[in-house]
Amino acid sequence: MNEDTWYTVLQALPTTIDTPLVIFDNPVQALSWIQLNNFETDNFWIVTNNELQYWVVAQEVGMQLIHMGFKRTIVIPPPTPPQSLEAPGDEKV
């Protein structure tokens, strides 16, 4: 990881951290992590400064990082295929 990027993120963090700070290789993974943990997507931002690492940060940290050269990434989740209403093994008679 680039030390300058890490240092920039550390500068933006509040002195007491009560939210997670995680890094992903792509924005879809980051969004999936937010959704799997039942976090509000409005409270967490996905930001990047080099499109190689996507940081999931709290909104207030994200705002500071934007002023430090990061970009917020808005992710549109990939479509999910429709699921059958029938359970596997159900038979039609």
PDB file of N, CA and C in Angstrom:
ATOM      1  N   MET A   1       0.838  -1.165   0.000  1.00  0.00           N
ATOM      2  CA  MET A   1       0.000   0.000   0.000  1.00  0.00           C
ATOM      3  C   MET A   1       0.893   1.241   0.000  1.00  0.00           C
ATOM      4  N   ASN A   2       0.464   2.241  -0.697  1.00  0.00           N
ATOM      5  CA  ASN A   2       1.184   3.498  -0.778  1.00  0.00           C
ATOM      6  C   ASN A   2       1.169   4.191   0.587  1.00  0.00           C
ATOM      7  N   GLU A   3       2.341   4.504   1.106  1.00  0.00           N
ATOM      8  CA  GLU A   3       2.441   5.134   2.437  1.00  0.00           C
ATOM      9  C   GLU A   3       1.788   6.506   2.484  1.00  0.00           C
ATOM     10  N   ASP A   4       1.883   7.261   1.396  1.00  0.00           N
ATOM     11  CA  ASP A   4       1.261   8.583   1.367  1.00  0.00           C
ATOM     12  C   ASP A   4      -0.257   8.486   1.485  1.00  0.00           C
ATOM     13  N   THR A   5      -0.835   7.512   0.806  1.00  0.00           N
ATOM     14  CA  THR A   5      -2.285   7.319   0.886  1.00  0.00           C
ATOM     15  C   THR A   5      -2.682   6.945   2.303  1.00  0.00           C
ATOM     16  N   TRP A   6      -1.975   6.032   2.890  1.00  0.00           N
ATOM     17  CA  TRP A   6      -2.256   5.587   4.250  1.00  0.00           C
ATOM     18  C   TRP A   6      -2.160   6.758   5.217  1.00  0.00           C
ATOM     19  N   TYR A   7      -1.135   7.563   5.064  1.00  0.00           N
ATOM     20  CA  TYR A   7      -0.936   8.715   5.932  1.00  0.00           C
ATOM     21  C   TYR A   7      -2.080   9.724   5.769  1.00  0.00           C
ATOM     22  N   THR A   8      -2.506   9.947   4.544  1.00  0.00           N
ATOM     23  CA  THR A   8      -3.608  10.872   4.280  1.00  0.00           C
ATOM     24  C   THR A   8      -4.882  10.402   4.965  1.00  0.00           C
ATOM     25  N   VAL A   9      -5.164   9.106   4.858  1.00  0.00           N
ATOM     26  CA  VAL A   9      -6.366   8.560   5.497  1.00  0.00           C
ATOM     27  C   VAL A   9      -6.266   8.691   7.011  1.00  0.00           C
ATOM     28  N   LEU A  10      -5.111   8.394   7.563  1.00  0.00           N
ATOM     29  CA  LEU A  10      -4.930   8.506   9.015  1.00  0.00           C
ATOM     30  C   LEU A  10      -5.139   9.942   9.496  1.00  0.00           C
ATOM     31  N   GLN A  11      -4.718  10.916   8.705  1.00  0.00           N
ATOM     32  CA  GLN A  11      -4.921  12.314   9.074  1.00  0.00           C
ATOM     33  C   GLN A  11      -6.407  12.672   9.141  1.00  0.00           C
ATOM     34  N   ALA A  12      -7.206  12.041   8.302  1.00  0.00           N
ATOM     35  CA  ALA A  12      -8.629  12.372   8.229  1.00  0.00           C
ATOM     36  C   ALA A  12      -9.444  11.687   9.318  1.00  0.00           C
ATOM     37  N   LEU A  13      -8.877  10.669   9.948  1.00  0.00           N
ATOM     38  CA  LEU A  13      -9.638   9.936  10.953  1.00  0.00           C
ATOM     39  C   LEU A  13      -9.780  10.737  12.237  1.00  0.00           C
ATOM     40  N   PRO A  14     -10.938  10.627  12.871  1.00  0.00           N
ATOM     41  CA  PRO A  14     -11.090  11.284  14.174  1.00  0.00           C
ATOM     42  C   PRO A  14     -10.210  10.598  15.212  1.00  0.00           C
ATOM     43  N   THR A  15     -10.005  11.262  16.343  1.00  0.00           N
ATOM     44  CA  THR A  15      -9.127  10.688  17.364  1.00  0.00           C
ATOM     45  C   THR A  15      -9.719   9.427  17.973  1.00  0.00           C
ATOM     46  N   THR A  16     -11.017   9.340  18.046  1.00  0.00           N
ATOM     47  CA  THR A  16     -11.649   8.107  18.524  1.00  0.00           C
ATOM     48  C   THR A  16     -12.415   7.498  17.357  1.00  0.00           C
ATOM     49  N   ILE A  17     -12.078   6.283  17.053  1.00  0.00           N
ATOM     50  CA  ILE A  17     -12.707   5.616  15.910  1.00  0.00           C
ATOM     51  C   ILE A  17     -13.700   4.586  16.435  1.00  0.00           C
ATOM     52  N   ASP A  18     -14.947   4.768  16.054  1.00  0.00           N
ATOM     53  CA  ASP A  18     -15.952   3.782  16.442  1.00  0.00           C
ATOM     54  C   ASP A  18     -16.600   3.146  15.219  1.00  0.00           C
ATOM     55  N   THR A  19     -16.019   3.417  14.058  1.00  0.00           N
ATOM     56  CA  THR A  19     -16.514   2.803  12.830  1.00  0.00           C
ATOM     57  C   THR A  19     -15.362   2.066  12.167  1.00  0.00           C
ATOM     58  N   PRO A  20     -15.674   1.038  11.414  1.00  0.00           N
ATOM     59  CA  PRO A  20     -14.602   0.276  10.764  1.00  0.00           C
ATOM     60  C   PRO A  20     -13.954   1.059   9.627  1.00  0.00           C
ATOM     61  N   LEU A  21     -12.748   0.674   9.308  1.00  0.00           N
ATOM     62  CA  LEU A  21     -12.021   1.224   8.175  1.00  0.00           C
ATOM     63  C   LEU A  21     -11.514   0.023   7.389  1.00  0.00           C
ATOM     64  N   VAL A  22     -12.065  -0.194   6.217  1.00  0.00           N
ATOM     65  CA  VAL A  22     -11.693  -1.366   5.431  1.00  0.00           C
ATOM     66  C   VAL A  22     -11.347  -0.942   4.011  1.00  0.00           C
ATOM     67  N   ILE A  23     -10.549  -1.766   3.358  1.00  0.00           N
ATOM     68  CA  ILE A  23     -10.043  -1.457   2.023  1.00  0.00           C
ATOM     69  C   ILE A  23     -10.355  -2.635   1.099  1.00  0.00           C
ATOM     70  N   PHE A  24     -10.771  -2.313  -0.126  1.00  0.00           N
ATOM     71  CA  PHE A  24     -11.086  -3.342  -1.110  1.00  0.00           C
ATOM     72  C   PHE A  24     -10.411  -3.027  -2.437  1.00  0.00           C
ATOM     73  N   ASP A  25     -10.319  -4.059  -3.291  1.00  0.00           N
ATOM     74  CA  ASP A  25      -9.705  -3.902  -4.606  1.00  0.00           C
ATOM     75  C   ASP A  25     -10.650  -3.289  -5.633  1.00  0.00           C
ATOM     76  N   ASN A  26     -11.955  -3.409  -5.370  1.00  0.00           N
ATOM     77  CA  ASN A  26     -12.906  -2.820  -6.307  1.00  0.00           C
ATOM     78  C   ASN A  26     -14.135  -2.322  -5.554  1.00  0.00           C
ATOM     79  N   PRO A  27     -14.855  -1.385  -6.135  1.00  0.00           N
ATOM     80  CA  PRO A  27     -15.971  -0.765  -5.433  1.00  0.00           C
ATOM     81  C   PRO A  27     -17.153  -1.691  -5.184  1.00  0.00           C
ATOM     82  N   VAL A  28     -17.341  -2.693  -6.035  1.00  0.00           N
ATOM     83  CA  VAL A  28     -18.458  -3.620  -5.841  1.00  0.00           C
ATOM     84  C   VAL A  28     -18.240  -4.455  -4.576  1.00  0.00           C
ATOM     85  N   GLN A  29     -16.992  -4.874  -4.332  1.00  0.00           N
ATOM     86  CA  GLN A  29     -16.685  -5.593  -3.089  1.00  0.00           C
ATOM     87  C   GLN A  29     -16.972  -4.705  -1.879  1.00  0.00           C
ATOM     88  N   ALA A  30     -16.606  -3.442  -1.983  1.00  0.00           N
ATOM     89  CA  ALA A  30     -16.834  -2.512  -0.878  1.00  0.00           C
ATOM     90  C   ALA A  30     -18.330  -2.367  -0.597  1.00  0.00           C
ATOM     91  N   LEU A  31     -19.129  -2.195  -1.639  1.00  0.00           N
ATOM     92  CA  LEU A  31     -20.577  -2.075  -1.457  1.00  0.00           C
ATOM     93  C   LEU A  31     -21.158  -3.352  -0.870  1.00  0.00           C
ATOM     94  N   SER A  32     -20.683  -4.494  -1.343  1.00  0.00           N
ATOM     95  CA  SER A  32     -21.175  -5.779  -0.809  1.00  0.00           C
ATOM     96  C   SER A  32     -20.884  -5.891   0.679  1.00  0.00           C
ATOM     97  N   TRP A  33     -19.699  -5.448   1.104  1.00  0.00           N
ATOM     98  CA  TRP A  33     -19.348  -5.505   2.518  1.00  0.00           C
ATOM     99  C   TRP A  33     -20.286  -4.621   3.339  1.00  0.00           C
ATOM    100  N   ILE A  34     -20.583  -3.431   2.836  1.00  0.00           N
ATOM    101  CA  ILE A  34     -21.500  -2.528   3.533  1.00  0.00           C
ATOM    102  C   ILE A  34     -22.870  -3.187   3.676  1.00  0.00           C
ATOM    103  N   GLN A  35     -23.367  -3.766   2.594  1.00  0.00           N
ATOM    104  CA  GLN A  35     -24.691  -4.383   2.611  1.00  0.00           C
ATOM    105  C   GLN A  35     -24.728  -5.634   3.480  1.00  0.00           C
ATOM    106  N   LEU A  36     -23.692  -6.463   3.422  1.00  0.00           N
ATOM    107  CA  LEU A  36     -23.662  -7.696   4.217  1.00  0.00           C
ATOM    108  C   LEU A  36     -23.644  -7.411   5.719  1.00  0.00           C
ATOM    109  N   ASN A  37     -23.089  -6.269   6.093  1.00  0.00           N
ATOM    110  CA  ASN A  37     -23.023  -5.904   7.501  1.00  0.00           C
ATOM    111  C   ASN A  37     -24.201  -5.030   7.935  1.00  0.00           C
ATOM    112  N   ASN A  38     -25.176  -4.883   7.034  1.00  0.00           N
ATOM    113  CA  ASN A  38     -26.395  -4.113   7.315  1.00  0.00           C
ATOM    114  C   ASN A  38     -26.120  -2.679   7.730  1.00  0.00           C
ATOM    115  N   PHE A  39     -25.085  -2.073   7.144  1.00  0.00           N
ATOM    116  CA  PHE A  39     -24.809  -0.671   7.402  1.00  0.00           C
ATOM    117  C   PHE A  39     -25.642   0.175   6.443  1.00  0.00           C
ATOM    118  N   GLU A  40     -26.005   1.356   6.880  1.00  0.00           N
ATOM    119  CA  GLU A  40     -26.705   2.299   6.009  1.00  0.00           C
ATOM    120  C   GLU A  40     -25.717   2.837   4.982  1.00  0.00           C
ATOM    121  N   THR A  41     -26.057   2.723   3.708  1.00  0.00           N
ATOM    122  CA  THR A  41     -25.131   3.191   2.675  1.00  0.00           C
ATOM    123  C   THR A  41     -24.967   4.708   2.709  1.00  0.00           C
ATOM    124  N   ASP A  42     -25.899   5.426   3.312  1.00  0.00           N
ATOM    125  CA  ASP A  42     -25.742   6.878   3.433  1.00  0.00           C
ATOM    126  C   ASP A  42     -24.709   7.245   4.488  1.00  0.00           C
ATOM    127  N   ASN A  43     -24.497   6.373   5.467  1.00  0.00           N
ATOM    128  CA  ASN A  43     -23.562   6.660   6.555  1.00  0.00           C
ATOM    129  C   ASN A  43     -22.121   6.294   6.210  1.00  0.00           C
ATOM    130  N   PHE A  44     -21.939   5.463   5.207  1.00  0.00           N
ATOM    131  CA  PHE A  44     -20.597   5.041   4.800  1.00  0.00           C
ATOM    132  C   PHE A  44     -20.357   5.421   3.356  1.00  0.00           C
ATOM    133  N   TRP A  45     -19.177   5.910   3.103  1.00  0.00           N
ATOM    134  CA  TRP A  45     -18.791   6.283   1.751  1.00  0.00           C
ATOM    135  C   TRP A  45     -17.698   5.347   1.257  1.00  0.00           C
ATOM    136  N   ILE A  46     -17.668   5.160  -0.052  1.00  0.00           N
ATOM    137  CA  ILE A  46     -16.582   4.445  -0.705  1.00  0.00           C
ATOM    138  C   ILE A  46     -15.765   5.517  -1.423  1.00  0.00           C
ATOM    139  N   VAL A  47     -14.491   5.627  -1.046  1.00  0.00           N
ATOM    140  CA  VAL A  47     -13.628   6.664  -1.634  1.00  0.00           C
ATOM    141  C   VAL A  47     -12.354   6.023  -2.170  1.00  0.00           C
ATOM    142  N   THR A  48     -11.755   6.703  -3.128  1.00  0.00           N
ATOM    143  CA  THR A  48     -10.500   6.233  -3.708  1.00  0.00           C
ATOM    144  C   THR A  48      -9.686   7.436  -4.141  1.00  0.00           C
ATOM    145  N   ASN A  49      -8.397   7.223  -4.233  1.00  0.00           N
ATOM    146  CA  ASN A  49      -7.552   8.274  -4.808  1.00  0.00           C
ATOM    147  C   ASN A  49      -6.706   7.736  -5.953  1.00  0.00           C
ATOM    148  N   ASN A  50      -6.821   6.433  -6.227  1.00  0.00           N
ATOM    149  CA  ASN A  50      -6.011   5.877  -7.307  1.00  0.00           C
ATOM    150  C   ASN A  50      -6.709   4.750  -8.073  1.00  0.00           C
ATOM    151  N   GLU A  51      -7.946   4.462  -7.753  1.00  0.00           N
ATOM    152  CA  GLU A  51      -8.748   3.422  -8.381  1.00  0.00           C
ATOM    153  C   GLU A  51      -8.120   2.029  -8.296  1.00  0.00           C
ATOM    154  N   LEU A  52      -7.200   1.867  -7.356  1.00  0.00           N
ATOM    155  CA  LEU A  52      -6.630   0.549  -7.066  1.00  0.00           C
ATOM    156  C   LEU A  52      -7.101   0.051  -5.711  1.00  0.00           C
ATOM    157  N   GLN A  53      -7.447   1.008  -4.844  1.00  0.00           N
ATOM    158  CA  GLN A  53      -7.919   0.682  -3.503  1.00  0.00           C
ATOM    159  C   GLN A  53      -9.143   1.531  -3.205  1.00  0.00           C
ATOM    160  N   TYR A  54     -10.158   0.870  -2.689  1.00  0.00           N
ATOM    161  CA  TYR A  54     -11.402   1.552  -2.357  1.00  0.00           C
ATOM    162  C   TYR A  54     -11.602   1.449  -0.856  1.00  0.00           C
ATOM    163  N   TRP A  55     -11.679   2.588  -0.212  1.00  0.00           N
ATOM    164  CA  TRP A  55     -11.777   2.684   1.231  1.00  0.00           C
ATOM    165  C   TRP A  55     -13.239   2.867   1.620  1.00  0.00           C
ATOM    166  N   VAL A  56     -13.691   2.092   2.588  1.00  0.00           N
ATOM    167  CA  VAL A  56     -15.019   2.302   3.165  1.00  0.00           C
ATOM    168  C   VAL A  56     -14.796   3.083   4.445  1.00  0.00           C
ATOM    169  N   VAL A  57     -15.352   4.297   4.484  1.00  0.00           N
ATOM    170  CA  VAL A  57     -15.146   5.173   5.624  1.00  0.00           C
ATOM    171  C   VAL A  57     -16.478   5.795   6.033  1.00  0.00           C
ATOM    172  N   ALA A  58     -16.531   6.272   7.257  1.00  0.00           N
ATOM    173  CA  ALA A  58     -17.711   6.985   7.712  1.00  0.00           C
ATOM    174  C   ALA A  58     -17.852   8.278   6.906  1.00  0.00           C
ATOM    175  N   GLN A  59     -19.066   8.772   6.817  1.00  0.00           N
ATOM    176  CA  GLN A  59     -19.352   9.948   6.011  1.00  0.00           C
ATOM    177  C   GLN A  59     -18.481  11.148   6.383  1.00  0.00           C
ATOM    178  N   GLU A  60     -18.310  11.410   7.680  1.00  0.00           N
ATOM    179  CA  GLU A  60     -17.509  12.579   8.081  1.00  0.00           C
ATOM    180  C   GLU A  60     -16.047  12.436   7.673  1.00  0.00           C
ATOM    181  N   VAL A  61     -15.516  11.209   7.704  1.00  0.00           N
ATOM    182  CA  VAL A  61     -14.139  10.973   7.247  1.00  0.00           C
ATOM    183  C   VAL A  61     -14.080  11.147   5.730  1.00  0.00           C
ATOM    184  N   GLY A  62     -15.106  10.632   5.053  1.00  0.00           N
ATOM    185  CA  GLY A  62     -15.160  10.774   3.598  1.00  0.00           C
ATOM    186  C   GLY A  62     -15.136  12.218   3.151  1.00  0.00           C
ATOM    187  N   MET A  63     -15.874  13.075   3.859  1.00  0.00           N
ATOM    188  CA  MET A  63     -15.886  14.501   3.503  1.00  0.00           C
ATOM    189  C   MET A  63     -14.489  15.111   3.615  1.00  0.00           C
ATOM    190  N   GLN A  64     -13.763  14.729   4.660  1.00  0.00           N
ATOM    191  CA  GLN A  64     -12.401  15.246   4.829  1.00  0.00           C
ATOM    192  C   GLN A  64     -11.477  14.716   3.728  1.00  0.00           C
ATOM    193  N   LEU A  65     -11.637  13.444   3.399  1.00  0.00           N
ATOM    194  CA  LEU A  65     -10.787  12.862   2.357  1.00  0.00           C
ATOM    195  C   LEU A  65     -11.051  13.496   0.997  1.00  0.00           C
ATOM    196  N   ILE A  66     -12.298  13.869   0.719  1.00  0.00           N
ATOM    197  CA  ILE A  66     -12.618  14.544  -0.541  1.00  0.00           C
ATOM    198  C   ILE A  66     -11.806  15.839  -0.649  1.00  0.00           C
ATOM    199  N   HIS A  67     -11.690  16.559   0.463  1.00  0.00           N
ATOM    200  CA  HIS A  67     -10.907  17.800   0.465  1.00  0.00           C
ATOM    201  C   HIS A  67      -9.408  17.525   0.339  1.00  0.00           C
ATOM    202  N   MET A  68      -9.001  16.279   0.539  1.00  0.00           N
ATOM    203  CA  MET A  68      -7.584  15.919   0.457  1.00  0.00           C
ATOM    204  C   MET A  68      -7.254  15.209  -0.859  1.00  0.00           C
ATOM    205  N   GLY A  69      -8.175  15.255  -1.821  1.00  0.00           N
ATOM    206  CA  GLY A  69      -7.881  14.705  -3.141  1.00  0.00           C
ATOM    207  C   GLY A  69      -8.516  13.371  -3.469  1.00  0.00           C
ATOM    208  N   PHE A  70      -9.261  12.774  -2.561  1.00  0.00           N
ATOM    209  CA  PHE A  70      -9.948  11.527  -2.853  1.00  0.00           C
ATOM    210  C   PHE A  70     -11.227  11.816  -3.634  1.00  0.00           C
ATOM    211  N   LYS A  71     -11.774  10.787  -4.269  1.00  0.00           N
ATOM    212  CA  LYS A  71     -13.046  10.901  -4.977  1.00  0.00           C
ATOM    213  C   LYS A  71     -14.025   9.900  -4.359  1.00  0.00           C
ATOM    214  N   ARG A  72     -15.259  10.333  -4.204  1.00  0.00           N
ATOM    215  CA  ARG A  72     -16.294   9.413  -3.731  1.00  0.00           C
ATOM    216  C   ARG A  72     -16.760   8.589  -4.914  1.00  0.00           C
ATOM    217  N   THR A  73     -16.929   7.298  -4.682  1.00  0.00           N
ATOM    218  CA  THR A  73     -17.384   6.390  -5.714  1.00  0.00           C
ATOM    219  C   THR A  73     -18.800   5.946  -5.378  1.00  0.00           C
ATOM    220  N   ILE A  74     -19.714   6.208  -6.283  1.00  0.00           N
ATOM    221  CA  ILE A  74     -21.087   5.746  -6.124  1.00  0.00           C
ATOM    222  C   ILE A  74     -21.201   4.445  -6.912  1.00  0.00           C
ATOM    223  N   VAL A  75     -21.563   3.385  -6.227  1.00  0.00           N
ATOM    224  CA  VAL A  75     -21.601   2.063  -6.846  1.00  0.00           C
ATOM    225  C   VAL A  75     -23.044   1.659  -7.081  1.00  0.00           C
ATOM    226  N   ILE A  76     -23.326   1.250  -8.291  1.00  0.00           N
ATOM    227  CA  ILE A  76     -24.636   0.686  -8.606  1.00  0.00           C
ATOM    228  C   ILE A  76     -24.456  -0.823  -8.583  1.00  0.00           C
ATOM    229  N   PRO A  77     -25.163  -1.495  -7.671  1.00  0.00           N
ATOM    230  CA  PRO A  77     -24.963  -2.945  -7.568  1.00  0.00           C
ATOM    231  C   PRO A  77     -25.368  -3.653  -8.850  1.00  0.00           C
ATOM    232  N   PRO A  78     -24.668  -4.737  -9.166  1.00  0.00           N
ATOM    233  CA  PRO A  78     -25.040  -5.496 -10.362  1.00  0.00           C
ATOM    234  C   PRO A  78     -26.424  -6.098 -10.171  1.00  0.00           C
ATOM    235  N   PRO A  79     -27.169  -6.266 -11.252  1.00  0.00           N
ATOM    236  CA  PRO A  79     -28.516  -6.826 -11.113  1.00  0.00           C
ATOM    237  C   PRO A  79     -28.458  -8.263 -10.602  1.00  0.00           C
ATOM    238  N   THR A  80     -29.418  -8.609  -9.786  1.00  0.00           N
ATOM    239  CA  THR A  80     -29.491  -9.985  -9.299  1.00  0.00           C
ATOM    240  C   THR A  80     -30.562 -10.710 -10.103  1.00  0.00           C
ATOM    241  N   PRO A  81     -30.299 -11.940 -10.457  1.00  0.00           N
ATOM    242  CA  PRO A  81     -31.288 -12.675 -11.247  1.00  0.00           C
ATOM    243  C   PRO A  81     -32.533 -12.932 -10.405  1.00  0.00           C
ATOM    244  N   PRO A  82     -33.690 -12.942 -11.040  1.00  0.00           N
ATOM    245  CA  PRO A  82     -34.914 -13.220 -10.284  1.00  0.00           C
ATOM    246  C   PRO A  82     -34.872 -14.624  -9.711  1.00  0.00           C
ATOM    247  N   GLN A  83     -35.390 -14.758  -8.503  1.00  0.00           N
ATOM    248  CA  GLN A  83     -35.381 -16.061  -7.865  1.00  0.00           C
ATOM    249  C   GLN A  83     -36.754 -16.707  -8.000  1.00  0.00           C
ATOM    250  N   SER A  84     -36.725 -17.993  -8.163  1.00  0.00           N
ATOM    251  CA  SER A  84     -37.958 -18.753  -8.285  1.00  0.00           C
ATOM    252  C   SER A  84     -38.673 -18.770  -6.947  1.00  0.00           C
ATOM    253  N   LEU A  85     -39.981 -18.764  -6.993  1.00  0.00           N
ATOM    254  CA  LEU A  85     -40.773 -18.849  -5.773  1.00  0.00           C
ATOM    255  C   LEU A  85     -40.862 -20.289  -5.280  1.00  0.00           C
ATOM    256  N   GLU A  86     -40.449 -21.221  -6.135  1.00  0.00           N
ATOM    257  CA  GLU A  86     -40.504 -22.629  -5.754  1.00  0.00           C
ATOM    258  C   GLU A  86     -39.198 -23.030  -5.079  1.00  0.00           C
ATOM    259  N   ALA A  87     -39.318 -23.839  -4.066  1.00  0.00           N
ATOM    260  CA  ALA A  87     -38.126 -24.371  -3.392  1.00  0.00           C
ATOM    261  C   ALA A  87     -37.586 -25.534  -4.194  1.00  0.00           C
ATOM    262  N   PRO A  88     -36.273 -25.749  -4.167  1.00  0.00           N
ATOM    263  CA  PRO A  88     -35.721 -26.909  -4.872  1.00  0.00           C
ATOM    264  C   PRO A  88     -36.389 -28.198  -4.380  1.00  0.00           C
ATOM    265  N   GLY A  89     -36.739 -29.037  -5.304  1.00  0.00           N
ATOM    266  CA  GLY A  89     -37.375 -30.300  -4.925  1.00  0.00           C
ATOM    267  C   GLY A  89     -38.898 -30.252  -4.963  1.00  0.00           C
ATOM    268  N   ASP A  90     -39.472 -29.037  -5.069  1.00  0.00           N
ATOM    269  CA  ASP A  90     -40.924 -28.944  -5.191  1.00  0.00           C
ATOM    270  C   ASP A  90     -41.344 -29.520  -6.521  1.00  0.00           C
ATOM    271  N   GLU A  91     -42.397 -30.261  -6.511  1.00  0.00           N
ATOM    272  CA  GLU A  91     -42.904 -30.843  -7.748  1.00  0.00           C
ATOM    273  C   GLU A  91     -44.269 -30.261  -8.065  1.00  0.00           C
ATOM    274  N   LYS A  92     -44.512 -30.043  -9.337  1.00  0.00           N
ATOM    275  CA  LYS A  92     -45.833 -29.602  -9.768  1.00  0.00           C
ATOM    276  C   LYS A  92     -46.668 -30.844 -10.060  1.00  0.00           C
ATOM    277  N   VAL A  93     -47.866 -30.834  -9.577  1.00  0.00           N
ATOM    278  CA  VAL A  93     -48.732 -31.996  -9.778  1.00  0.00           C
ATOM    279  C   VAL A  93     -49.869 -31.622 -10.673  1.00  0.00           C
TER     280      VAL A  93
END
